[in-house]
Amino acid sequence: MGDQSSGTSPVLESFTGFAFPRGATLCTRYATQITYRREAKEGVPISIIPHPDADEALKAELLAFRRDLPTLNNDELAIIFAEVGQRGNL
């Protein structure tokens, strides 16, 4: 959608209705995919899709990452992004 620090977070926020955490190691510094679909069950699954050329060990770690939020919640989302940022290599 755009380069880092080019206003991508506000655009994503206008589409989704929630605030993305900001910071040097957080959300929109990396590629972010948001998928909308109609389902009877409300929830927000969060996962990481590794680059095809990533090291196999890193790919396995990234593919294993998954969090499920029962509802869209800014505070819980910020905690998840902080958790990913603390892992260093993710």
PDB file of N, CA and C in Angstrom:
ATOM      1  N   MET A   1       0.808  -1.183   0.000  1.00  0.00           N
ATOM      2  CA  MET A   1       0.000   0.000   0.000  1.00  0.00           C
ATOM      3  C   MET A   1       0.856   1.254   0.000  1.00  0.00           C
ATOM      4  N   GLY A   2       1.984   1.182   0.694  1.00  0.00           N
ATOM      5  CA  GLY A   2       2.838   2.355   0.737  1.00  0.00           C
ATOM      6  C   GLY A   2       4.088   2.091   1.553  1.00  0.00           C
ATOM      7  N   ASP A   3       5.028   3.006   1.465  1.00  0.00           N
ATOM      8  CA  ASP A   3       6.273   2.872   2.200  1.00  0.00           C
ATOM      9  C   ASP A   3       6.051   3.146   3.681  1.00  0.00           C
ATOM     10  N   GLN A   4       7.032   2.702   4.480  1.00  0.00           N
ATOM     11  CA  GLN A   4       6.993   2.963   5.914  1.00  0.00           C
ATOM     12  C   GLN A   4       6.908   4.472   6.156  1.00  0.00           C
ATOM     13  N   SER A   5       6.094   4.858   7.126  1.00  0.00           N
ATOM     14  CA  SER A   5       5.897   6.263   7.506  1.00  0.00           C
ATOM     15  C   SER A   5       5.250   7.091   6.401  1.00  0.00           C
ATOM     16  N   SER A   6       4.458   6.442   5.535  1.00  0.00           N
ATOM     17  CA  SER A   6       3.793   7.182   4.464  1.00  0.00           C
ATOM     18  C   SER A   6       2.284   7.308   4.693  1.00  0.00           C
ATOM     19  N   GLY A   7       1.844   6.992   5.914  1.00  0.00           N
ATOM     20  CA  GLY A   7       0.422   7.131   6.220  1.00  0.00           C
ATOM     21  C   GLY A   7      -0.385   5.862   6.050  1.00  0.00           C
ATOM     22  N   THR A   8       0.296   4.717   6.006  1.00  0.00           N
ATOM     23  CA  THR A   8      -0.438   3.462   5.812  1.00  0.00           C
ATOM     24  C   THR A   8      -1.285   3.097   7.024  1.00  0.00           C
ATOM     25  N   SER A   9      -0.800   3.353   8.237  1.00  0.00           N
ATOM     26  CA  SER A   9      -1.584   3.011   9.429  1.00  0.00           C
ATOM     27  C   SER A   9      -2.929   3.726   9.440  1.00  0.00           C
ATOM     28  N   PRO A  10      -2.989   5.032   9.185  1.00  0.00           N
ATOM     29  CA  PRO A  10      -4.304   5.696   9.166  1.00  0.00           C
ATOM     30  C   PRO A  10      -5.254   5.136   8.106  1.00  0.00           C
ATOM     31  N   VAL A  11      -4.716   4.718   6.963  1.00  0.00           N
ATOM     32  CA  VAL A  11      -5.570   4.139   5.923  1.00  0.00           C
ATOM     33  C   VAL A  11      -6.143   2.808   6.411  1.00  0.00           C
ATOM     34  N   LEU A  12      -5.288   1.952   6.994  1.00  0.00           N
ATOM     35  CA  LEU A  12      -5.769   0.676   7.526  1.00  0.00           C
ATOM     36  C   LEU A  12      -6.780   0.897   8.647  1.00  0.00           C
ATOM     37  N   GLU A  13      -6.539   1.901   9.473  1.00  0.00           N
ATOM     38  CA  GLU A  13      -7.475   2.206  10.560  1.00  0.00           C
ATOM     39  C   GLU A  13      -8.833   2.643  10.020  1.00  0.00           C
ATOM     40  N   SER A  14      -8.836   3.381   8.924  1.00  0.00           N
ATOM     41  CA  SER A  14     -10.118   3.822   8.367  1.00  0.00           C
ATOM     42  C   SER A  14     -10.898   2.644   7.784  1.00  0.00           C
ATOM     43  N   PHE A  15     -10.208   1.639   7.244  1.00  0.00           N
ATOM     44  CA  PHE A  15     -10.872   0.444   6.720  1.00  0.00           C
ATOM     45  C   PHE A  15     -11.400  -0.456   7.823  1.00  0.00           C
ATOM     46  N   THR A  16     -10.605  -0.627   8.883  1.00  0.00           N
ATOM     47  CA  THR A  16     -10.927  -1.619   9.904  1.00  0.00           C
ATOM     48  C   THR A  16     -11.700  -1.070  11.086  1.00  0.00           C
ATOM     49  N   GLY A  17     -11.522   0.211  11.391  1.00  0.00           N
ATOM     50  CA  GLY A  17     -12.207   0.787  12.539  1.00  0.00           C
ATOM     51  C   GLY A  17     -11.476   0.601  13.853  1.00  0.00           C
ATOM     52  N   PHE A  18     -10.248   0.096  13.846  1.00  0.00           N
ATOM     53  CA  PHE A  18      -9.476   0.009  15.083  1.00  0.00           C
ATOM     54  C   PHE A  18      -8.082   0.568  14.876  1.00  0.00           C
ATOM     55  N   ALA A  19      -7.442   0.908  15.986  1.00  0.00           N
ATOM     56  CA  ALA A  19      -6.140   1.568  15.937  1.00  0.00           C
ATOM     57  C   ALA A  19      -5.017   0.544  15.877  1.00  0.00           C
ATOM     58  N   PHE A  20      -4.131   0.700  14.912  1.00  0.00           N
ATOM     59  CA  PHE A  20      -2.951  -0.148  14.848  1.00  0.00           C
ATOM     60  C   PHE A  20      -1.889   0.423  15.766  1.00  0.00           C
ATOM     61  N   PRO A  21      -1.195  -0.442  16.511  1.00  0.00           N
ATOM     62  CA  PRO A  21      -0.111   0.074  17.352  1.00  0.00           C
ATOM     63  C   PRO A  21       0.980   0.662  16.474  1.00  0.00           C
ATOM     64  N   ARG A  22       1.607   1.711  16.957  1.00  0.00           N
ATOM     65  CA  ARG A  22       2.662   2.361  16.186  1.00  0.00           C
ATOM     66  C   ARG A  22       3.988   2.219  16.923  1.00  0.00           C
ATOM     67  N   GLY A  23       5.047   2.158  16.170  1.00  0.00           N
ATOM     68  CA  GLY A  23       6.372   2.062  16.755  1.00  0.00           C
ATOM     69  C   GLY A  23       7.322   1.426  15.764  1.00  0.00           C
ATOM     70  N   ALA A  24       8.595   1.529  16.040  1.00  0.00           N
ATOM     71  CA  ALA A  24       9.619   1.059  15.106  1.00  0.00           C
ATOM     72  C   ALA A  24       9.555  -0.442  14.854  1.00  0.00           C
ATOM     73  N   THR A  25       9.068  -1.222  15.814  1.00  0.00           N
ATOM     74  CA  THR A  25       9.067  -2.672  15.630  1.00  0.00           C
ATOM     75  C   THR A  25       7.658  -3.237  15.524  1.00  0.00           C
ATOM     76  N   LEU A  26       6.694  -2.396  15.228  1.00  0.00           N
ATOM     77  CA  LEU A  26       5.316  -2.867  15.259  1.00  0.00           C
ATOM     78  C   LEU A  26       4.705  -2.997  13.881  1.00  0.00           C
ATOM     79  N   CYS A  27       3.442  -3.135  13.873  1.00  0.00           N
ATOM     80  CA  CYS A  27       2.576  -3.567  12.796  1.00  0.00           C
ATOM     81  C   CYS A  27       2.941  -3.174  11.377  1.00  0.00           C
ATOM     82  N   THR A  28       2.682  -1.965  10.989  1.00  0.00           N
ATOM     83  CA  THR A  28       2.747  -1.639   9.567  1.00  0.00           C
ATOM     84  C   THR A  28       4.169  -1.417   9.063  1.00  0.00           C
ATOM     85  N   ARG A  29       5.148  -1.719   9.883  1.00  0.00           N
ATOM     86  CA  ARG A  29       6.519  -1.728   9.374  1.00  0.00           C
ATOM     87  C   ARG A  29       6.691  -2.921   8.436  1.00  0.00           C
ATOM     88  N   TYR A  30       5.871  -3.922   8.632  1.00  0.00           N
ATOM     89  CA  TYR A  30       5.901  -5.137   7.829  1.00  0.00           C
ATOM     90  C   TYR A  30       4.622  -5.222   7.006  1.00  0.00           C
ATOM     91  N   ALA A  31       4.635  -6.076   6.009  1.00  0.00           N
ATOM     92  CA  ALA A  31       3.438  -6.266   5.196  1.00  0.00           C
ATOM     93  C   ALA A  31       2.296  -6.747   6.086  1.00  0.00           C
ATOM     94  N   THR A  32       1.129  -6.163   5.899  1.00  0.00           N
ATOM     95  CA  THR A  32      -0.045  -6.515   6.689  1.00  0.00           C
ATOM     96  C   THR A  32      -1.174  -6.851   5.733  1.00  0.00           C
ATOM     97  N   GLN A  33      -1.794  -7.991   5.946  1.00  0.00           N
ATOM     98  CA  GLN A  33      -2.926  -8.402   5.111  1.00  0.00           C
ATOM     99  C   GLN A  33      -4.166  -8.450   5.979  1.00  0.00           C
ATOM    100  N   ILE A  34      -5.199  -7.786   5.537  1.00  0.00           N
ATOM    101  CA  ILE A  34      -6.481  -7.792   6.242  1.00  0.00           C
ATOM    102  C   ILE A  34      -7.499  -8.406   5.302  1.00  0.00           C
ATOM    103  N   THR A  35      -8.165  -9.441   5.771  1.00  0.00           N
ATOM    104  CA  THR A  35      -9.146 -10.128   4.946  1.00  0.00           C
ATOM    105  C   THR A  35     -10.510 -10.023   5.614  1.00  0.00           C
ATOM    106  N   TYR A  36     -11.469  -9.493   4.897  1.00  0.00           N
ATOM    107  CA  TYR A  36     -12.842  -9.419   5.386  1.00  0.00           C
ATOM    108  C   TYR A  36     -13.641 -10.548   4.769  1.00  0.00           C
ATOM    109  N   ARG A  37     -14.501 -11.163   5.572  1.00  0.00           N
ATOM    110  CA  ARG A  37     -15.433 -12.142   5.027  1.00  0.00           C
ATOM    111  C   ARG A  37     -16.625 -12.248   5.955  1.00  0.00           C
ATOM    112  N   ARG A  38     -17.748 -12.643   5.397  1.00  0.00           N
ATOM    113  CA  ARG A  38     -18.968 -12.796   6.184  1.00  0.00           C
ATOM    114  C   ARG A  38     -19.002 -14.183   6.796  1.00  0.00           C
ATOM    115  N   GLU A  39     -19.159 -14.222   8.099  1.00  0.00           N
ATOM    116  CA  GLU A  39     -19.266 -15.488   8.813  1.00  0.00           C
ATOM    117  C   GLU A  39     -20.252 -15.306   9.956  1.00  0.00           C
ATOM    118  N   ALA A  40     -20.875 -16.391  10.335  1.00  0.00           N
ATOM    119  CA  ALA A  40     -21.819 -16.343  11.458  1.00  0.00           C
ATOM    120  C   ALA A  40     -21.085 -16.106  12.778  1.00  0.00           C
ATOM    121  N   LYS A  41     -19.862 -16.598  12.869  1.00  0.00           N
ATOM    122  CA  LYS A  41     -19.071 -16.463  14.088  1.00  0.00           C
ATOM    123  C   LYS A  41     -18.199 -15.218  13.996  1.00  0.00           C
ATOM    124  N   GLU A  42     -18.227 -14.403  15.031  1.00  0.00           N
ATOM    125  CA  GLU A  42     -17.379 -13.218  15.073  1.00  0.00           C
ATOM    126  C   GLU A  42     -16.031 -13.595  15.672  1.00  0.00           C
ATOM    127  N   GLY A  43     -14.961 -13.073  15.132  1.00  0.00           N
ATOM    128  CA  GLY A  43     -13.640 -13.331  15.666  1.00  0.00           C
ATOM    129  C   GLY A  43     -12.568 -12.792  14.744  1.00  0.00           C
ATOM    130  N   VAL A  44     -11.366 -12.727  15.275  1.00  0.00           N
ATOM    131  CA  VAL A  44     -10.238 -12.195  14.515  1.00  0.00           C
ATOM    132  C   VAL A  44      -9.060 -13.147  14.662  1.00  0.00           C
ATOM    133  N   PRO A  45      -8.772 -13.947  13.626  1.00  0.00           N
ATOM    134  CA  PRO A  45      -7.565 -14.779  13.678  1.00  0.00           C
ATOM    135  C   PRO A  45      -6.350 -13.958  13.224  1.00  0.00           C
ATOM    136  N   ILE A  46      -5.246 -14.121  13.909  1.00  0.00           N
ATOM    137  CA  ILE A  46      -4.017 -13.396  13.573  1.00  0.00           C
ATOM    138  C   ILE A  46      -2.929 -14.430  13.337  1.00  0.00           C
ATOM    139  N   SER A  47      -2.282 -14.365  12.177  1.00  0.00           N
ATOM    140  CA  SER A  47      -1.211 -15.308  11.856  1.00  0.00           C
ATOM    141  C   SER A  47      -0.138 -14.582  11.061  1.00  0.00           C
ATOM    142  N   ILE A  48       0.987 -15.263  10.860  1.00  0.00           N
ATOM    143  CA  ILE A  48       2.101 -14.692  10.109  1.00  0.00           C
ATOM    144  C   ILE A  48       2.399 -15.604   8.925  1.00  0.00           C
ATOM    145  N   ILE A  49       2.484 -15.029   7.754  1.00  0.00           N
ATOM    146  CA  ILE A  49       2.829 -15.767   6.542  1.00  0.00           C
ATOM    147  C   ILE A  49       4.283 -15.433   6.203  1.00  0.00           C
ATOM    148  N   PRO A  50       5.173 -16.414   6.279  1.00  0.00           N
ATOM    149  CA  PRO A  50       6.590 -16.114   6.014  1.00  0.00           C
ATOM    150  C   PRO A  50       6.875 -15.929   4.530  1.00  0.00           C
ATOM    151  N   HIS A  51       7.947 -15.247   4.255  1.00  0.00           N
ATOM    152  CA  HIS A  51       8.431 -15.091   2.881  1.00  0.00           C
ATOM    153  C   HIS A  51       8.876 -16.468   2.380  1.00  0.00           C
ATOM    154  N   PRO A  52       8.597 -16.810   1.140  1.00  0.00           N
ATOM    155  CA  PRO A  52       8.971 -18.130   0.618  1.00  0.00           C
ATOM    156  C   PRO A  52      10.475 -18.436   0.726  1.00  0.00           C
ATOM    157  N   ASP A  53      11.316 -17.412   0.697  1.00  0.00           N
ATOM    158  CA  ASP A  53      12.759 -17.620   0.760  1.00  0.00           C
ATOM    159  C   ASP A  53      13.316 -17.631   2.182  1.00  0.00           C
ATOM    160  N   ALA A  54      12.451 -17.542   3.189  1.00  0.00           N
ATOM    161  CA  ALA A  54      12.917 -17.511   4.574  1.00  0.00           C
ATOM    162  C   ALA A  54      13.556 -18.844   4.953  1.00  0.00           C
ATOM    163  N   ASP A  55      14.449 -18.793   5.917  1.00  0.00           N
ATOM    164  CA  ASP A  55      15.078 -19.987   6.469  1.00  0.00           C
ATOM    165  C   ASP A  55      13.991 -20.948   6.959  1.00  0.00           C
ATOM    166  N   GLU A  56      14.189 -22.248   6.779  1.00  0.00           N
ATOM    167  CA  GLU A  56      13.158 -23.239   7.120  1.00  0.00           C
ATOM    168  C   GLU A  56      12.771 -23.199   8.599  1.00  0.00           C
ATOM    169  N   ALA A  57      13.735 -22.993   9.484  1.00  0.00           N
ATOM    170  CA  ALA A  57      13.430 -22.919  10.924  1.00  0.00           C
ATOM    171  C   ALA A  57      12.558 -21.698  11.220  1.00  0.00           C
ATOM    172  N   LEU A  58      12.895 -20.575  10.597  1.00  0.00           N
ATOM    173  CA  LEU A  58      12.105 -19.363  10.792  1.00  0.00           C
ATOM    174  C   LEU A  58      10.709 -19.543  10.205  1.00  0.00           C
ATOM    175  N   LYS A  59      10.610 -20.155   9.024  1.00  0.00           N
ATOM    176  CA  LYS A  59       9.309 -20.415   8.425  1.00  0.00           C
ATOM    177  C   LYS A  59       8.422 -21.211   9.374  1.00  0.00           C
ATOM    178  N   ALA A  60       8.987 -22.265   9.963  1.00  0.00           N
ATOM    179  CA  ALA A  60       8.214 -23.103  10.880  1.00  0.00           C
ATOM    180  C   ALA A  60       7.728 -22.298  12.078  1.00  0.00           C
ATOM    181  N   GLU A  61       8.594 -21.450  12.618  1.00  0.00           N
ATOM    182  CA  GLU A  61       8.214 -20.622  13.768  1.00  0.00           C
ATOM    183  C   GLU A  61       7.115 -19.632  13.392  1.00  0.00           C
ATOM    184  N   LEU A  62       7.245 -19.011  12.247  1.00  0.00           N
ATOM    185  CA  LEU A  62       6.251 -18.037  11.817  1.00  0.00           C
ATOM    186  C   LEU A  62       4.911 -18.697  11.521  1.00  0.00           C
ATOM    187  N   LEU A  63       4.938 -19.844  10.856  1.00  0.00           N
ATOM    188  CA  LEU A  63       3.696 -20.549  10.546  1.00  0.00           C
ATOM    189  C   LEU A  63       2.993 -21.054  11.809  1.00  0.00           C
ATOM    190  N   ALA A  64       3.754 -21.313  12.853  1.00  0.00           N
ATOM    191  CA  ALA A  64       3.168 -21.796  14.105  1.00  0.00           C
ATOM    192  C   ALA A  64       2.492 -20.672  14.901  1.00  0.00           C
ATOM    193  N   PHE A  65       2.820 -19.426  14.579  1.00  0.00           N
ATOM    194  CA  PHE A  65       2.247 -18.299  15.323  1.00  0.00           C
ATOM    195  C   PHE A  65       0.787 -18.103  14.937  1.00  0.00           C
ATOM    196  N   ARG A  66      -0.080 -18.144  15.918  1.00  0.00           N
ATOM    197  CA  ARG A  66      -1.503 -17.878  15.683  1.00  0.00           C
ATOM    198  C   ARG A  66      -2.139 -17.421  16.990  1.00  0.00           C
ATOM    199  N   ARG A  67      -2.909 -16.385  16.886  1.00  0.00           N
ATOM    200  CA  ARG A  67      -3.704 -15.897  18.014  1.00  0.00           C
ATOM    201  C   ARG A  67      -5.116 -15.677  17.497  1.00  0.00           C
ATOM    202  N   ASP A  68      -6.093 -15.985  18.322  1.00  0.00           N
ATOM    203  CA  ASP A  68      -7.494 -15.787  17.953  1.00  0.00           C
ATOM    204  C   ASP A  68      -8.152 -14.876  18.974  1.00  0.00           C
ATOM    205  N   LEU A  69      -8.653 -13.754  18.503  1.00  0.00           N
ATOM    206  CA  LEU A  69      -9.386 -12.836  19.366  1.00  0.00           C
ATOM    207  C   LEU A  69     -10.884 -13.075  19.156  1.00  0.00           C
ATOM    208  N   PRO A  70     -11.651 -13.193  20.224  1.00  0.00           N
ATOM    209  CA  PRO A  70     -13.090 -13.416  20.062  1.00  0.00           C
ATOM    210  C   PRO A  70     -13.800 -12.214  19.447  1.00  0.00           C
ATOM    211  N   THR A  71     -13.268 -11.024  19.675  1.00  0.00           N
ATOM    212  CA  THR A  71     -13.800  -9.800  19.077  1.00  0.00           C
ATOM    213  C   THR A  71     -12.625  -8.892  18.745  1.00  0.00           C
ATOM    214  N   LEU A  72     -12.889  -7.895  17.951  1.00  0.00           N
ATOM    215  CA  LEU A  72     -11.861  -6.932  17.591  1.00  0.00           C
ATOM    216  C   LEU A  72     -11.660  -5.986  18.765  1.00  0.00           C
ATOM    217  N   ASN A  73     -10.483  -6.033  19.357  1.00  0.00           N
ATOM    218  CA  ASN A  73     -10.209  -5.263  20.561  1.00  0.00           C
ATOM    219  C   ASN A  73      -8.833  -4.610  20.426  1.00  0.00           C
ATOM    220  N   ASN A  74      -8.803  -3.285  20.469  1.00  0.00           N
ATOM    221  CA  ASN A  74      -7.548  -2.547  20.281  1.00  0.00           C
ATOM    222  C   ASN A  74      -6.479  -2.936  21.291  1.00  0.00           C
ATOM    223  N   ASP A  75      -6.859  -3.070  22.560  1.00  0.00           N
ATOM    224  CA  ASP A  75      -5.869  -3.363  23.599  1.00  0.00           C
ATOM    225  C   ASP A  75      -5.245  -4.743  23.404  1.00  0.00           C
ATOM    226  N   GLU A  76      -6.071  -5.749  23.122  1.00  0.00           N
ATOM    227  CA  GLU A  76      -5.548  -7.094  22.902  1.00  0.00           C
ATOM    228  C   GLU A  76      -4.685  -7.149  21.646  1.00  0.00           C
ATOM    229  N   LEU A  77      -5.090  -6.438  20.610  1.00  0.00           N
ATOM    230  CA  LEU A  77      -4.306  -6.399  19.382  1.00  0.00           C
ATOM    231  C   LEU A  77      -2.934  -5.777  19.643  1.00  0.00           C
ATOM    232  N   ALA A  78      -2.879  -4.723  20.417  1.00  0.00           N
ATOM    233  CA  ALA A  78      -1.604  -4.074  20.746  1.00  0.00           C
ATOM    234  C   ALA A  78      -0.700  -5.030  21.516  1.00  0.00           C
ATOM    235  N   ILE A  79      -1.260  -5.826  22.407  1.00  0.00           N
ATOM    236  CA  ILE A  79      -0.473  -6.805  23.168  1.00  0.00           C
ATOM    237  C   ILE A  79       0.128  -7.847  22.232  1.00  0.00           C
ATOM    238  N   ILE A  80      -0.657  -8.314  21.274  1.00  0.00           N
ATOM    239  CA  ILE A  80      -0.159  -9.316  20.322  1.00  0.00           C
ATOM    240  C   ILE A  80       0.967  -8.743  19.470  1.00  0.00           C
ATOM    241  N   PHE A  81       0.819  -7.523  18.975  1.00  0.00           N
ATOM    242  CA  PHE A  81       1.891  -6.911  18.178  1.00  0.00           C
ATOM    243  C   PHE A  81       3.144  -6.709  19.023  1.00  0.00           C
ATOM    244  N   ALA A  82       2.977  -6.327  20.285  1.00  0.00           N
ATOM    245  CA  ALA A  82       4.131  -6.164  21.163  1.00  0.00           C
ATOM    246  C   ALA A  82       4.819  -7.506  21.391  1.00  0.00           C
ATOM    247  N   GLU A  83       4.032  -8.571  21.558  1.00  0.00           N
ATOM    248  CA  GLU A  83       4.591  -9.916  21.731  1.00  0.00           C
ATOM    249  C   GLU A  83       5.437 -10.311  20.520  1.00  0.00           C
ATOM    250  N   VAL A  84       4.924 -10.067  19.337  1.00  0.00           N
ATOM    251  CA  VAL A  84       5.663 -10.390  18.121  1.00  0.00           C
ATOM    252  C   VAL A  84       6.940  -9.555  18.051  1.00  0.00           C
ATOM    253  N   GLY A  85       6.844  -8.274  18.382  1.00  0.00           N
ATOM    254  CA  GLY A  85       8.007  -7.388  18.340  1.00  0.00           C
ATOM    255  C   GLY A  85       9.082  -7.794  19.323  1.00  0.00           C
ATOM    256  N   GLN A  86       8.701  -8.357  20.476  1.00  0.00           N
ATOM    257  CA  GLN A  86       9.679  -8.780  21.487  1.00  0.00           C
ATOM    258  C   GLN A  86      10.436 -10.027  21.082  1.00  0.00           C
ATOM    259  N   ARG A  87       9.883 -10.790  20.157  1.00  0.00           N
ATOM    260  CA  ARG A  87      10.542 -12.024  19.726  1.00  0.00           C
ATOM    261  C   ARG A  87      11.796 -11.726  18.909  1.00  0.00           C
ATOM    262  N   GLY A  88      11.910 -10.507  18.418  1.00  0.00           N
ATOM    263  CA  GLY A  88      13.137 -10.106  17.732  1.00  0.00           C
ATOM    264  C   GLY A  88      13.240 -10.576  16.293  1.00  0.00           C
ATOM    265  N   ASN A  89      13.194 -11.872  16.057  1.00  0.00           N
ATOM    266  CA  ASN A  89      13.422 -12.353  14.690  1.00  0.00           C
ATOM    267  C   ASN A  89      12.128 -12.483  13.912  1.00  0.00           C
ATOM    268  N   LEU A  90      10.990 -12.187  14.497  1.00  0.00           N
ATOM    269  CA  LEU A  90       9.721 -12.315  13.763  1.00  0.00           C
ATOM    270  C   LEU A  90       9.432 -11.077  12.998  1.00  0.00           C
TER     271      LEU A  90
END
